[in-house]
Amino acid sequence: MQNTNDAFRMIRGWAEARNLIRGSSPDKQFIKLIEEIGELSEGIAKQRIDLIMDGIGDAVVVLTILAAQYEVNIEDCIGMAYDEIKDRRGKMVQGVFIKDADL
């Protein structure tokens, strides 16, 4: 894959070819996302980088499909999230970043 946008485009093409965007529903994809997060959790618990990478990748695939079902691009979702956090200030409290507004 050449760049991230190519990856998302390829994921959408793969999902369309398998009728996952129109043939599935957002609630089913959300359940699939939770399953993939569970697999990521297993990787973290076992400290296995292969399972961690697989879980993150699978979750991104499902999120890409979920975004397409709502007729938005995941790239736009990520851009929107970044615009929201880019200037955020806060501090770490017991290993968790807490934004200033919540302190």
C-alpha atoms as a PDB file:
ATOM      1  CA  MET A   1       0.000   0.000   0.000  1.00  0.00           C
ATOM      2  CA  GLN A   2       1.346   3.383  -0.953  1.00  0.00           C
ATOM      3  CA  ASN A   3      -0.374   5.594   1.603  1.00  0.00           C
ATOM      4  CA  THR A   4      -3.116   5.652   4.175  1.00  0.00           C
ATOM      5  CA  ASN A   5      -5.759   6.956   1.779  1.00  0.00           C
ATOM      6  CA  ASP A   6      -4.998   4.032  -0.542  1.00  0.00           C
ATOM      7  CA  ALA A   7      -5.504   1.661   2.388  1.00  0.00           C
ATOM      8  CA  PHE A   8      -8.926   3.100   3.191  1.00  0.00           C
ATOM      9  CA  ARG A   9      -9.902   3.056  -0.495  1.00  0.00           C
ATOM     10  CA  MET A  10      -8.826  -0.589  -0.752  1.00  0.00           C
ATOM     11  CA  ILE A  11     -10.758  -1.506   2.410  1.00  0.00           C
ATOM     12  CA  ARG A  12     -13.915   0.145   1.027  1.00  0.00           C
ATOM     13  CA  GLY A  13     -13.465  -1.718  -2.276  1.00  0.00           C
ATOM     14  CA  TRP A  14     -12.984  -5.005  -0.444  1.00  0.00           C
ATOM     15  CA  ALA A  15     -16.089  -4.356   1.668  1.00  0.00           C
ATOM     16  CA  GLU A  16     -18.205  -3.339  -1.338  1.00  0.00           C
ATOM     17  CA  ALA A  17     -17.180  -6.489  -3.218  1.00  0.00           C
ATOM     18  CA  ARG A  18     -18.416  -8.542  -0.270  1.00  0.00           C
ATOM     19  CA  ASN A  19     -21.629  -6.528   0.182  1.00  0.00           C
ATOM     20  CA  LEU A  20     -20.621  -5.496   3.709  1.00  0.00           C
ATOM     21  CA  ILE A  21     -21.547  -1.831   3.309  1.00  0.00           C
ATOM     22  CA  ARG A  22     -25.081  -2.170   1.938  1.00  0.00           C
ATOM     23  CA  GLY A  23     -25.732  -5.797   2.907  1.00  0.00           C
ATOM     24  CA  SER A  24     -24.900  -5.393   6.578  1.00  0.00           C
ATOM     25  CA  SER A  25     -26.218  -2.899   9.090  1.00  0.00           C
ATOM     26  CA  PRO A  26     -24.456  -0.451  11.387  1.00  0.00           C
ATOM     27  CA  ASP A  27     -25.613  -2.346  14.463  1.00  0.00           C
ATOM     28  CA  LYS A  28     -24.058  -5.573  13.109  1.00  0.00           C
ATOM     29  CA  GLN A  29     -20.826  -3.747  12.318  1.00  0.00           C
ATOM     30  CA  PHE A  30     -20.790  -2.254  15.803  1.00  0.00           C
ATOM     31  CA  ILE A  31     -21.068  -5.761  17.269  1.00  0.00           C
ATOM     32  CA  LYS A  32     -18.169  -6.803  15.002  1.00  0.00           C
ATOM     33  CA  LEU A  33     -16.160  -3.809  16.249  1.00  0.00           C
ATOM     34  CA  ILE A  34     -16.661  -4.890  19.859  1.00  0.00           C
ATOM     35  CA  GLU A  35     -15.501  -8.406  18.898  1.00  0.00           C
ATOM     36  CA  GLU A  36     -12.337  -6.972  17.341  1.00  0.00           C
ATOM     37  CA  ILE A  37     -11.717  -4.790  20.401  1.00  0.00           C
ATOM     38  CA  GLY A  38     -12.000  -7.957  22.488  1.00  0.00           C
ATOM     39  CA  GLU A  39      -9.277  -9.540  20.369  1.00  0.00           C
ATOM     40  CA  LEU A  40      -7.150  -6.423  20.841  1.00  0.00           C
ATOM     41  CA  SER A  41      -7.710  -6.719  24.577  1.00  0.00           C
ATOM     42  CA  GLU A  42      -6.474 -10.302  24.466  1.00  0.00           C
ATOM     43  CA  GLY A  43      -3.318  -9.171  22.680  1.00  0.00           C
ATOM     44  CA  ILE A  44      -2.684  -6.477  25.268  1.00  0.00           C
ATOM     45  CA  ALA A  45      -3.309  -8.885  28.130  1.00  0.00           C
ATOM     46  CA  LYS A  46      -0.895 -11.411  26.633  1.00  0.00           C
ATOM     47  CA  GLN A  47       1.575  -8.688  25.587  1.00  0.00           C
ATOM     48  CA  ARG A  48       1.629 -10.119  22.054  1.00  0.00           C
ATOM     49  CA  ILE A  49       2.405  -7.485  19.454  1.00  0.00           C
ATOM     50  CA  ASP A  50       1.096  -9.698  16.626  1.00  0.00           C
ATOM     51  CA  LEU A  51      -2.351  -9.887  18.250  1.00  0.00           C
ATOM     52  CA  ILE A  52      -2.257  -6.183  19.105  1.00  0.00           C
ATOM     53  CA  MET A  53      -1.483  -5.222  15.511  1.00  0.00           C
ATOM     54  CA  ASP A  54      -4.142  -7.601  14.174  1.00  0.00           C
ATOM     55  CA  GLY A  55      -6.762  -6.246  16.592  1.00  0.00           C
ATOM     56  CA  ILE A  56      -5.997  -2.626  15.736  1.00  0.00           C
ATOM     57  CA  GLY A  57      -6.031  -3.376  12.009  1.00  0.00           C
ATOM     58  CA  ASP A  58      -9.283  -5.316  12.190  1.00  0.00           C
ATOM     59  CA  ALA A  59     -10.917  -2.544  14.224  1.00  0.00           C
ATOM     60  CA  VAL A  60      -9.861   0.035  11.616  1.00  0.00           C
ATOM     61  CA  VAL A  61     -11.368  -2.139   8.864  1.00  0.00           C
ATOM     62  CA  VAL A  62     -14.679  -2.349  10.718  1.00  0.00           C
ATOM     63  CA  LEU A  63     -14.649   1.392  11.479  1.00  0.00           C
ATOM     64  CA  THR A  64     -14.034   2.071   7.770  1.00  0.00           C
ATOM     65  CA  ILE A  65     -17.064  -0.052   6.876  1.00  0.00           C
ATOM     66  CA  LEU A  66     -19.178   1.599   9.573  1.00  0.00           C
ATOM     67  CA  ALA A  67     -18.259   5.059   8.280  1.00  0.00           C
ATOM     68  CA  ALA A  68     -19.164   4.005   4.720  1.00  0.00           C
ATOM     69  CA  GLN A  69     -22.531   2.742   5.921  1.00  0.00           C
ATOM     70  CA  TYR A  70     -23.220   6.252   7.194  1.00  0.00           C
ATOM     71  CA  GLU A  71     -21.946   7.639   3.866  1.00  0.00           C
ATOM     72  CA  VAL A  72     -18.944   9.402   5.372  1.00  0.00           C
ATOM     73  CA  ASN A  73     -15.265   8.711   4.792  1.00  0.00           C
ATOM     74  CA  ILE A  74     -13.192   7.527   7.701  1.00  0.00           C
ATOM     75  CA  GLU A  75     -10.504   9.962   6.545  1.00  0.00           C
ATOM     76  CA  ASP A  76     -12.929  12.814   7.245  1.00  0.00           C
ATOM     77  CA  CYS A  77     -13.793  11.321  10.651  1.00  0.00           C
ATOM     78  CA  ILE A  78     -10.111  11.144  11.558  1.00  0.00           C
ATOM     79  CA  GLY A  79      -9.536  14.684  10.308  1.00  0.00           C
ATOM     80  CA  MET A  80     -12.452  15.952  12.366  1.00  0.00           C
ATOM     81  CA  ALA A  81     -11.157  14.190  15.474  1.00  0.00           C
ATOM     82  CA  TYR A  82      -7.669  15.569  14.957  1.00  0.00           C
ATOM     83  CA  ASP A  83      -8.995  19.113  14.502  1.00  0.00           C
ATOM     84  CA  GLU A  84     -10.767  18.685  17.844  1.00  0.00           C
ATOM     85  CA  ILE A  85      -7.700  17.447  19.749  1.00  0.00           C
ATOM     86  CA  LYS A  86      -4.799  19.235  18.051  1.00  0.00           C
ATOM     87  CA  ASP A  87      -4.766  22.174  20.460  1.00  0.00           C
ATOM     88  CA  ARG A  88      -6.129  20.318  23.468  1.00  0.00           C
ATOM     89  CA  ARG A  89      -4.276  20.824  26.712  1.00  0.00           C
ATOM     90  CA  GLY A  90      -4.420  18.769  29.853  1.00  0.00           C
ATOM     91  CA  LYS A  91      -2.348  16.534  32.052  1.00  0.00           C
ATOM     92  CA  MET A  92      -1.703  12.900  32.810  1.00  0.00           C
ATOM     93  CA  VAL A  93      -3.430  11.535  35.890  1.00  0.00           C
ATOM     94  CA  GLN A  94      -2.470   7.966  36.794  1.00  0.00           C
ATOM     95  CA  GLY A  95      -1.588   7.233  33.163  1.00  0.00           C
ATOM     96  CA  VAL A  96      -4.739   8.788  31.675  1.00  0.00           C
ATOM     97  CA  PHE A  97      -4.755  12.105  29.769  1.00  0.00           C
ATOM     98  CA  ILE A  98      -7.390  14.413  31.235  1.00  0.00           C
ATOM     99  CA  LYS A  99      -8.246  17.494  29.192  1.00  0.00           C
ATOM    100  CA  ASP A 100      -8.162  20.849  30.945  1.00  0.00           C
ATOM    101  CA  ALA A 101     -11.934  21.264  30.680  1.00  0.00           C
ATOM    102  CA  ASP A 102     -12.395  18.124  32.806  1.00  0.00           C
ATOM    103  CA  LEU A 103      -9.835  18.956  35.476  1.00  0.00           C
END
